Amino acid sequence: MTDNRRAFIKKSVALGSYSLIATGGLLGSSDANAEWLPDTSILQQTLKRLFKAQDIIASDKIAIQIPKTAENGAAVPITVTSSLNNVESIAILVEKNPIPLAAKFELSPDLEPFVSTRLKLAESSVVMVIVETGEGFYSAGEKVIVTVGGCEI
């Protein structure tokens, strides 16, 4: 008899708690409350989030070494160097990837502005490099043609 009463009390407390949580809106669907994204590209949204309303100036002082044609988008080598002064960070973005920001490197002022990595490219697109210095933001880009995509999301 004691076990039945304890089980009844546990189930009653659990059911009461669940109904309070459900009526309080804590179990609601997050999709129903989702915010609609504007019709701008994902790359533009990423640039806006990362660099706020800063002006990004095209620069020939950023050197990008990346193959013009990549057989496999799963591992595309890239090397970025810059002759700009006071480089604080280097960001690499891929225009047509589901998540455009591929890498961001924070650099010490004592380091030479040189980074090298491998990228995943979903399809042929522009690879953009943005260098942040004490004076502002500078960019350069290269078009890469991919024969086999590397990102599947």
N, C-alpha and C. Protein backbone atom coordinates (compact mmCIF):
# COMPACT_ATOMS: atom_id res chain seq x y z
N MET A 1 0.81 -1.18 0.00
CA MET A 1 0.00 0.00 0.00
C MET A 1 0.87 1.26 0.00
N THR A 2 1.95 1.25 0.75
CA THR A 2 2.83 2.40 0.84
C THR A 2 3.50 2.68 -0.52
N ASP A 3 3.87 1.61 -1.23
CA ASP A 3 4.51 1.78 -2.53
C ASP A 3 3.56 2.41 -3.53
N ASN A 4 2.31 2.02 -3.52
CA ASN A 4 1.35 2.59 -4.46
C ASN A 4 1.13 4.08 -4.18
N ARG A 5 1.04 4.44 -2.92
CA ARG A 5 0.83 5.83 -2.56
C ARG A 5 2.05 6.67 -2.95
N ARG A 6 3.28 6.16 -2.74
CA ARG A 6 4.50 6.88 -3.12
C ARG A 6 4.58 7.05 -4.64
N ALA A 7 4.24 6.00 -5.36
CA ALA A 7 4.26 6.08 -6.82
C ALA A 7 3.23 7.10 -7.30
N PHE A 8 2.05 7.11 -6.68
CA PHE A 8 1.01 8.06 -7.05
C PHE A 8 1.46 9.50 -6.80
N ILE A 9 2.11 9.73 -5.66
CA ILE A 9 2.58 11.08 -5.32
C ILE A 9 3.68 11.52 -6.29
N LYS A 10 4.61 10.61 -6.62
CA LYS A 10 5.69 10.94 -7.57
C LYS A 10 5.12 11.31 -8.93
N LYS A 11 4.16 10.51 -9.39
CA LYS A 11 3.58 10.77 -10.71
C LYS A 11 2.76 12.06 -10.68
N SER A 12 2.07 12.33 -9.60
CA SER A 12 1.28 13.56 -9.49
C SER A 12 2.19 14.79 -9.49
N VAL A 13 3.29 14.73 -8.77
CA VAL A 13 4.23 15.85 -8.72
C VAL A 13 4.86 16.05 -10.10
N ALA A 14 5.24 14.95 -10.75
CA ALA A 14 5.85 15.05 -12.07
C ALA A 14 4.86 15.63 -13.08
N LEU A 15 3.63 15.16 -13.08
CA LEU A 15 2.62 15.65 -14.00
C LEU A 15 2.29 17.12 -13.73
N GLY A 16 2.20 17.49 -12.47
CA GLY A 16 1.94 18.89 -12.12
C GLY A 16 3.08 19.80 -12.55
N SER A 17 4.30 19.36 -12.34
CA SER A 17 5.47 20.16 -12.75
C SER A 17 5.50 20.31 -14.26
N TYR A 18 5.26 19.24 -14.97
CA TYR A 18 5.27 19.26 -16.44
C TYR A 18 4.21 20.22 -16.97
N SER A 19 3.03 20.18 -16.38
CA SER A 19 1.97 21.06 -16.86
C SER A 19 2.29 22.53 -16.57
N LEU A 20 2.94 22.82 -15.43
CA LEU A 20 3.35 24.19 -15.14
C LEU A 20 4.41 24.68 -16.13
N ILE A 21 5.34 23.81 -16.44
CA ILE A 21 6.40 24.17 -17.40
C ILE A 21 5.80 24.38 -18.77
N ALA A 22 4.92 23.51 -19.19
CA ALA A 22 4.30 23.60 -20.52
C ALA A 22 3.46 24.86 -20.65
N THR A 23 2.68 25.20 -19.63
CA THR A 23 1.85 26.40 -19.70
C THR A 23 2.68 27.67 -19.58
N GLY A 24 3.85 27.56 -18.98
CA GLY A 24 4.73 28.73 -18.85
C GLY A 24 5.48 29.03 -20.13
N GLY A 25 5.36 28.19 -21.15
CA GLY A 25 6.01 28.43 -22.43
C GLY A 25 7.45 27.97 -22.50
N LEU A 26 7.91 27.24 -21.49
CA LEU A 26 9.30 26.79 -21.50
C LEU A 26 9.53 25.60 -22.42
N LEU A 27 8.48 24.90 -22.81
CA LEU A 27 8.63 23.77 -23.71
C LEU A 27 8.19 24.10 -25.12
N GLY A 28 8.02 25.37 -25.44
CA GLY A 28 7.57 25.78 -26.77
C GLY A 28 8.63 25.51 -27.82
N SER A 29 8.20 25.46 -29.04
CA SER A 29 9.09 25.22 -30.17
C SER A 29 9.91 26.47 -30.46
N SER A 30 11.21 26.31 -30.59
CA SER A 30 12.05 27.45 -30.92
C SER A 30 11.89 27.83 -32.39
N ASP A 31 11.46 26.87 -33.23
CA ASP A 31 11.25 27.18 -34.64
C ASP A 31 10.10 28.15 -34.83
N ALA A 32 9.09 28.05 -34.00
CA ALA A 32 7.93 28.93 -34.12
C ALA A 32 8.30 30.37 -33.78
N ASN A 33 9.33 30.56 -32.99
CA ASN A 33 9.75 31.89 -32.58
C ASN A 33 10.98 32.36 -33.36
N ALA A 34 11.35 31.64 -34.42
CA ALA A 34 12.55 31.97 -35.17
C ALA A 34 12.39 33.31 -35.88
N GLU A 35 13.51 33.98 -36.03
CA GLU A 35 13.53 35.27 -36.70
C GLU A 35 13.79 35.05 -38.19
N TRP A 36 13.04 35.71 -39.04
CA TRP A 36 13.25 35.59 -40.48
C TRP A 36 14.50 36.36 -40.86
N LEU A 37 15.34 35.72 -41.66
CA LEU A 37 16.56 36.38 -42.10
C LEU A 37 16.27 37.24 -43.33
N PRO A 38 16.95 38.35 -43.46
CA PRO A 38 16.75 39.17 -44.65
C PRO A 38 17.27 38.43 -45.89
N ASP A 39 16.97 38.98 -47.05
CA ASP A 39 17.34 38.32 -48.30
C ASP A 39 18.78 38.58 -48.72
N THR A 40 19.63 39.02 -47.83
CA THR A 40 21.03 39.23 -48.17
C THR A 40 21.77 37.90 -48.12
N SER A 41 22.92 37.85 -48.76
CA SER A 41 23.67 36.60 -48.81
C SER A 41 24.25 36.27 -47.44
N ILE A 42 24.58 35.00 -47.26
CA ILE A 42 25.16 34.56 -45.99
C ILE A 42 26.52 35.23 -45.78
N LEU A 43 27.27 35.42 -46.86
CA LEU A 43 28.57 36.09 -46.73
C LEU A 43 28.39 37.52 -46.22
N GLN A 44 27.42 38.26 -46.75
CA GLN A 44 27.19 39.63 -46.30
C GLN A 44 26.77 39.67 -44.84
N GLN A 45 25.95 38.72 -44.41
CA GLN A 45 25.54 38.65 -43.01
C GLN A 45 26.75 38.37 -42.11
N THR A 46 27.62 37.46 -42.57
CA THR A 46 28.82 37.13 -41.78
C THR A 46 29.75 38.34 -41.67
N LEU A 47 29.94 39.04 -42.78
CA LEU A 47 30.78 40.25 -42.75
C LEU A 47 30.21 41.29 -41.81
N LYS A 48 28.90 41.43 -41.83
CA LYS A 48 28.24 42.41 -40.96
C LYS A 48 28.43 42.05 -39.49
N ARG A 49 28.31 40.74 -39.17
CA ARG A 49 28.47 40.30 -37.78
C ARG A 49 29.90 40.43 -37.30
N LEU A 50 30.86 40.06 -38.15
CA LEU A 50 32.26 40.07 -37.74
C LEU A 50 32.86 41.47 -37.65
N PHE A 51 32.53 42.30 -38.63
CA PHE A 51 33.22 43.59 -38.75
C PHE A 51 32.30 44.79 -38.57
N LYS A 52 31.07 44.53 -38.09
CA LYS A 52 30.08 45.59 -37.81
C LYS A 52 29.91 46.47 -39.04
N ALA A 53 29.98 47.76 -38.90
CA ALA A 53 29.78 48.68 -40.03
C ALA A 53 31.11 49.26 -40.51
N GLN A 54 32.19 48.54 -40.30
CA GLN A 54 33.51 49.02 -40.69
C GLN A 54 33.67 48.97 -42.21
N ASP A 55 34.38 49.93 -42.76
CA ASP A 55 34.69 49.92 -44.18
C ASP A 55 35.83 48.93 -44.42
N ILE A 56 35.68 48.12 -45.46
CA ILE A 56 36.71 47.16 -45.83
C ILE A 56 37.26 47.60 -47.18
N ILE A 57 38.55 47.90 -47.20
CA ILE A 57 39.19 48.47 -48.38
C ILE A 57 39.97 47.38 -49.11
N ALA A 58 39.79 47.29 -50.43
CA ALA A 58 40.56 46.34 -51.24
C ALA A 58 42.03 46.76 -51.23
N SER A 59 42.91 45.78 -51.10
CA SER A 59 44.34 46.09 -51.00
C SER A 59 45.16 45.12 -51.83
N ASP A 60 46.21 45.65 -52.45
CA ASP A 60 47.14 44.79 -53.19
C ASP A 60 48.32 44.38 -52.30
N LYS A 61 48.29 44.76 -51.03
CA LYS A 61 49.36 44.38 -50.10
C LYS A 61 49.07 43.07 -49.38
N ILE A 62 48.02 42.36 -49.82
CA ILE A 62 47.68 41.04 -49.27
C ILE A 62 47.92 40.03 -50.38
N ALA A 63 48.78 39.05 -50.12
CA ALA A 63 49.09 38.02 -51.12
C ALA A 63 48.42 36.72 -50.72
N ILE A 64 47.63 36.16 -51.65
CA ILE A 64 46.94 34.89 -51.42
C ILE A 64 47.51 33.86 -52.38
N GLN A 65 48.03 32.78 -51.83
CA GLN A 65 48.50 31.66 -52.66
C GLN A 65 47.52 30.52 -52.49
N ILE A 66 46.72 30.28 -53.55
CA ILE A 66 45.71 29.23 -53.54
C ILE A 66 45.58 28.74 -54.98
N PRO A 67 45.36 27.43 -55.17
CA PRO A 67 45.21 26.95 -56.54
C PRO A 67 43.98 27.56 -57.22
N LYS A 68 44.11 27.89 -58.50
CA LYS A 68 42.97 28.43 -59.25
C LYS A 68 41.93 27.33 -59.49
N THR A 69 42.38 26.07 -59.63
CA THR A 69 41.49 24.93 -59.80
C THR A 69 41.86 23.88 -58.77
N ALA A 70 40.86 23.42 -58.02
CA ALA A 70 41.08 22.40 -56.99
C ALA A 70 40.32 21.15 -57.40
N GLU A 71 41.02 20.01 -57.46
CA GLU A 71 40.36 18.76 -57.83
C GLU A 71 39.36 18.32 -56.78
N ASN A 72 39.69 18.55 -55.51
CA ASN A 72 38.82 18.12 -54.41
C ASN A 72 38.67 19.30 -53.45
N GLY A 73 37.43 19.70 -53.19
CA GLY A 73 37.20 20.83 -52.30
C GLY A 73 37.37 20.51 -50.83
N ALA A 74 37.67 19.24 -50.50
CA ALA A 74 37.80 18.85 -49.09
C ALA A 74 39.08 19.36 -48.45
N ALA A 75 40.12 19.61 -49.24
CA ALA A 75 41.39 20.07 -48.66
C ALA A 75 42.12 20.94 -49.68
N VAL A 76 41.80 22.23 -49.67
CA VAL A 76 42.43 23.18 -50.59
C VAL A 76 43.44 24.00 -49.80
N PRO A 77 44.73 23.91 -50.15
CA PRO A 77 45.75 24.66 -49.39
C PRO A 77 45.69 26.15 -49.71
N ILE A 78 45.90 26.96 -48.67
CA ILE A 78 45.94 28.42 -48.85
C ILE A 78 47.03 28.98 -47.94
N THR A 79 47.74 29.96 -48.48
CA THR A 79 48.75 30.68 -47.71
C THR A 79 48.49 32.17 -47.90
N VAL A 80 48.47 32.90 -46.81
CA VAL A 80 48.20 34.34 -46.85
C VAL A 80 49.38 35.07 -46.20
N THR A 81 49.89 36.06 -46.91
CA THR A 81 50.92 36.94 -46.36
C THR A 81 50.49 38.38 -46.62
N SER A 82 51.05 39.29 -45.84
CA SER A 82 50.69 40.69 -46.00
C SER A 82 51.89 41.57 -45.72
N SER A 83 51.96 42.67 -46.47
CA SER A 83 53.00 43.66 -46.20
C SER A 83 52.43 44.88 -45.49
N LEU A 84 51.19 44.76 -45.00
CA LEU A 84 50.57 45.83 -44.21
C LEU A 84 51.23 45.90 -42.83
N ASN A 85 51.23 47.07 -42.23
CA ASN A 85 51.82 47.26 -40.91
C ASN A 85 50.77 47.02 -39.82
N ASN A 86 51.22 46.60 -38.65
CA ASN A 86 50.38 46.43 -37.47
C ASN A 86 49.19 45.48 -37.70
N VAL A 87 49.45 44.33 -38.28
CA VAL A 87 48.39 43.37 -38.54
C VAL A 87 47.96 42.73 -37.22
N GLU A 88 46.66 42.80 -36.92
CA GLU A 88 46.12 42.24 -35.68
C GLU A 88 45.44 40.89 -35.91
N SER A 89 44.76 40.73 -37.07
CA SER A 89 44.10 39.45 -37.35
C SER A 89 43.95 39.26 -38.85
N ILE A 90 43.82 37.98 -39.23
CA ILE A 90 43.58 37.60 -40.62
C ILE A 90 42.39 36.65 -40.62
N ALA A 91 41.36 37.00 -41.39
CA ALA A 91 40.16 36.16 -41.51
C ALA A 91 40.06 35.65 -42.94
N ILE A 92 39.71 34.36 -43.08
CA ILE A 92 39.54 33.74 -44.39
C ILE A 92 38.08 33.33 -44.51
N LEU A 93 37.41 33.82 -45.55
CA LEU A 93 36.01 33.52 -45.78
C LEU A 93 35.83 32.89 -47.16
N VAL A 94 34.88 31.95 -47.26
CA VAL A 94 34.56 31.31 -48.53
C VAL A 94 33.12 31.66 -48.86
N GLU A 95 32.94 32.31 -50.00
CA GLU A 95 31.65 32.91 -50.36
C GLU A 95 30.49 31.91 -50.36
N LYS A 96 30.62 30.76 -50.97
CA LYS A 96 29.49 29.86 -51.15
C LYS A 96 29.43 28.70 -50.16
N ASN A 97 30.23 28.75 -49.11
CA ASN A 97 30.14 27.71 -48.08
C ASN A 97 28.91 27.98 -47.20
N PRO A 98 28.34 26.92 -46.62
CA PRO A 98 27.20 27.12 -45.70
C PRO A 98 27.56 28.02 -44.52
N ILE A 99 28.79 27.93 -44.06
CA ILE A 99 29.31 28.82 -43.02
C ILE A 99 30.54 29.49 -43.63
N PRO A 100 30.41 30.75 -44.05
CA PRO A 100 31.49 31.40 -44.82
C PRO A 100 32.81 31.57 -44.08
N LEU A 101 32.80 31.80 -42.77
CA LEU A 101 34.05 32.02 -42.04
C LEU A 101 34.79 30.70 -41.91
N ALA A 102 35.88 30.54 -42.65
CA ALA A 102 36.65 29.30 -42.62
C ALA A 102 37.70 29.33 -41.51
N ALA A 103 38.32 30.49 -41.29
CA ALA A 103 39.35 30.59 -40.25
C ALA A 103 39.57 32.06 -39.90
N LYS A 104 39.93 32.28 -38.64
CA LYS A 104 40.33 33.62 -38.21
C LYS A 104 41.52 33.47 -37.28
N PHE A 105 42.59 34.17 -37.61
CA PHE A 105 43.83 34.08 -36.85
C PHE A 105 44.09 35.41 -36.16
N GLU A 106 44.26 35.39 -34.85
CA GLU A 106 44.64 36.58 -34.09
C GLU A 106 46.16 36.57 -33.98
N LEU A 107 46.80 37.64 -34.41
CA LEU A 107 48.25 37.69 -34.47
C LEU A 107 48.81 38.70 -33.47
N SER A 108 49.95 38.36 -32.94
CA SER A 108 50.69 39.27 -32.07
C SER A 108 51.42 40.29 -32.95
N PRO A 109 51.62 41.49 -32.47
CA PRO A 109 52.35 42.49 -33.27
C PRO A 109 53.79 42.05 -33.57
N ASP A 110 54.33 41.13 -32.78
CA ASP A 110 55.70 40.67 -33.00
C ASP A 110 55.81 39.65 -34.12
N LEU A 111 54.68 39.10 -34.57
CA LEU A 111 54.70 38.06 -35.58
C LEU A 111 54.64 38.65 -36.99
N GLU A 112 55.24 37.91 -37.91
CA GLU A 112 55.12 38.27 -39.32
C GLU A 112 53.72 37.85 -39.79
N PRO A 113 53.02 38.69 -40.53
CA PRO A 113 51.66 38.33 -40.97
C PRO A 113 51.69 37.25 -42.06
N PHE A 114 51.75 36.00 -41.61
CA PHE A 114 51.82 34.84 -42.50
C PHE A 114 50.99 33.72 -41.87
N VAL A 115 50.01 33.21 -42.61
CA VAL A 115 49.23 32.06 -42.14
C VAL A 115 49.07 31.08 -43.29
N SER A 116 48.96 29.82 -42.94
CA SER A 116 48.78 28.77 -43.93
C SER A 116 47.85 27.71 -43.35
N THR A 117 46.90 27.25 -44.15
CA THR A 117 45.95 26.25 -43.69
C THR A 117 45.35 25.53 -44.90
N ARG A 118 44.40 24.66 -44.63
CA ARG A 118 43.64 23.98 -45.69
C ARG A 118 42.17 24.30 -45.49
N LEU A 119 41.48 24.56 -46.59
CA LEU A 119 40.08 24.93 -46.55
C LEU A 119 39.19 23.83 -47.12
N LYS A 120 37.94 23.81 -46.67
CA LYS A 120 36.91 23.00 -47.31
C LYS A 120 36.05 23.93 -48.13
N LEU A 121 35.89 23.61 -49.41
CA LEU A 121 35.07 24.44 -50.29
C LEU A 121 33.89 23.61 -50.77
N ALA A 122 32.68 24.13 -50.59
CA ALA A 122 31.48 23.42 -51.00
C ALA A 122 31.37 23.37 -52.52
N GLU A 123 31.75 24.46 -53.16
CA GLU A 123 31.67 24.55 -54.62
C GLU A 123 32.59 25.67 -55.07
N SER A 124 32.70 25.86 -56.37
CA SER A 124 33.53 26.94 -56.90
C SER A 124 33.03 28.27 -56.36
N SER A 125 33.95 29.06 -55.82
CA SER A 125 33.56 30.35 -55.26
C SER A 125 34.78 31.22 -55.02
N VAL A 126 34.51 32.41 -54.54
CA VAL A 126 35.57 33.36 -54.21
C VAL A 126 36.02 33.13 -52.78
N VAL A 127 37.33 33.05 -52.59
CA VAL A 127 37.92 32.97 -51.25
C VAL A 127 38.39 34.38 -50.91
N MET A 128 37.86 34.91 -49.83
CA MET A 128 38.14 36.29 -49.43
C MET A 128 38.98 36.31 -48.16
N VAL A 129 39.99 37.17 -48.15
CA VAL A 129 40.84 37.35 -46.98
C VAL A 129 40.67 38.78 -46.49
N ILE A 130 40.41 38.92 -45.20
CA ILE A 130 40.28 40.25 -44.60
C ILE A 130 41.33 40.38 -43.50
N VAL A 131 42.13 41.41 -43.63
CA VAL A 131 43.21 41.67 -42.68
C VAL A 131 42.84 42.89 -41.85
N GLU A 132 42.89 42.72 -40.54
CA GLU A 132 42.61 43.83 -39.63
C GLU A 132 43.93 44.41 -39.14
N THR A 133 44.07 45.72 -39.31
CA THR A 133 45.26 46.40 -38.81
C THR A 133 44.81 47.48 -37.83
N GLY A 134 45.75 48.16 -37.26
CA GLY A 134 45.42 49.26 -36.37
C GLY A 134 44.73 50.41 -37.09
N GLU A 135 44.92 50.50 -38.41
CA GLU A 135 44.36 51.59 -39.20
C GLU A 135 43.00 51.24 -39.81
N GLY A 136 42.65 49.94 -39.91
CA GLY A 136 41.38 49.59 -40.53
C GLY A 136 41.38 48.15 -41.05
N PHE A 137 40.43 47.87 -41.94
CA PHE A 137 40.25 46.54 -42.50
C PHE A 137 40.57 46.57 -43.99
N TYR A 138 41.31 45.55 -44.45
CA TYR A 138 41.71 45.46 -45.85
C TYR A 138 41.37 44.06 -46.36
N SER A 139 41.05 43.97 -47.66
CA SER A 139 40.64 42.68 -48.21
C SER A 139 41.29 42.38 -49.54
N ALA A 140 41.30 41.10 -49.87
CA ALA A 140 41.72 40.60 -51.17
C ALA A 140 40.95 39.31 -51.40
N GLY A 141 40.82 38.93 -52.66
CA GLY A 141 40.07 37.72 -52.96
C GLY A 141 40.59 37.00 -54.17
N GLU A 142 40.32 35.71 -54.23
CA GLU A 142 40.71 34.87 -55.36
C GLU A 142 39.57 33.93 -55.69
N LYS A 143 39.31 33.73 -56.97
CA LYS A 143 38.28 32.78 -57.43
C LYS A 143 38.93 31.40 -57.54
N VAL A 144 38.26 30.38 -56.95
CA VAL A 144 38.76 29.01 -57.00
C VAL A 144 37.67 28.15 -57.64
N ILE A 145 38.06 27.36 -58.63
CA ILE A 145 37.13 26.45 -59.29
C ILE A 145 37.33 25.07 -58.68
N VAL A 146 36.24 24.48 -58.16
CA VAL A 146 36.29 23.18 -57.49
C VAL A 146 35.57 22.17 -58.37
N THR A 147 36.24 21.02 -58.62
CA THR A 147 35.61 19.98 -59.44
C THR A 147 34.77 19.02 -58.60
N VAL A 148 35.19 18.72 -57.37
CA VAL A 148 34.44 17.88 -56.44
C VAL A 148 34.29 18.64 -55.14
N GLY A 149 33.04 18.88 -54.68
CA GLY A 149 32.80 19.67 -53.47
C GLY A 149 33.28 18.96 -52.22
N GLY A 150 33.59 19.76 -51.20
CA GLY A 150 34.09 19.21 -49.96
C GLY A 150 33.16 19.37 -48.77
N CYS A 151 32.23 20.32 -48.80
CA CYS A 151 31.31 20.56 -47.68
C CYS A 151 29.96 19.99 -48.01
N GLU A 152 29.47 19.12 -47.17
CA GLU A 152 28.13 18.56 -47.35
C GLU A 152 27.36 18.83 -46.09
N ILE A 153 26.51 19.86 -46.13
CA ILE A 153 25.66 20.16 -44.96
C ILE A 153 24.24 20.28 -45.43
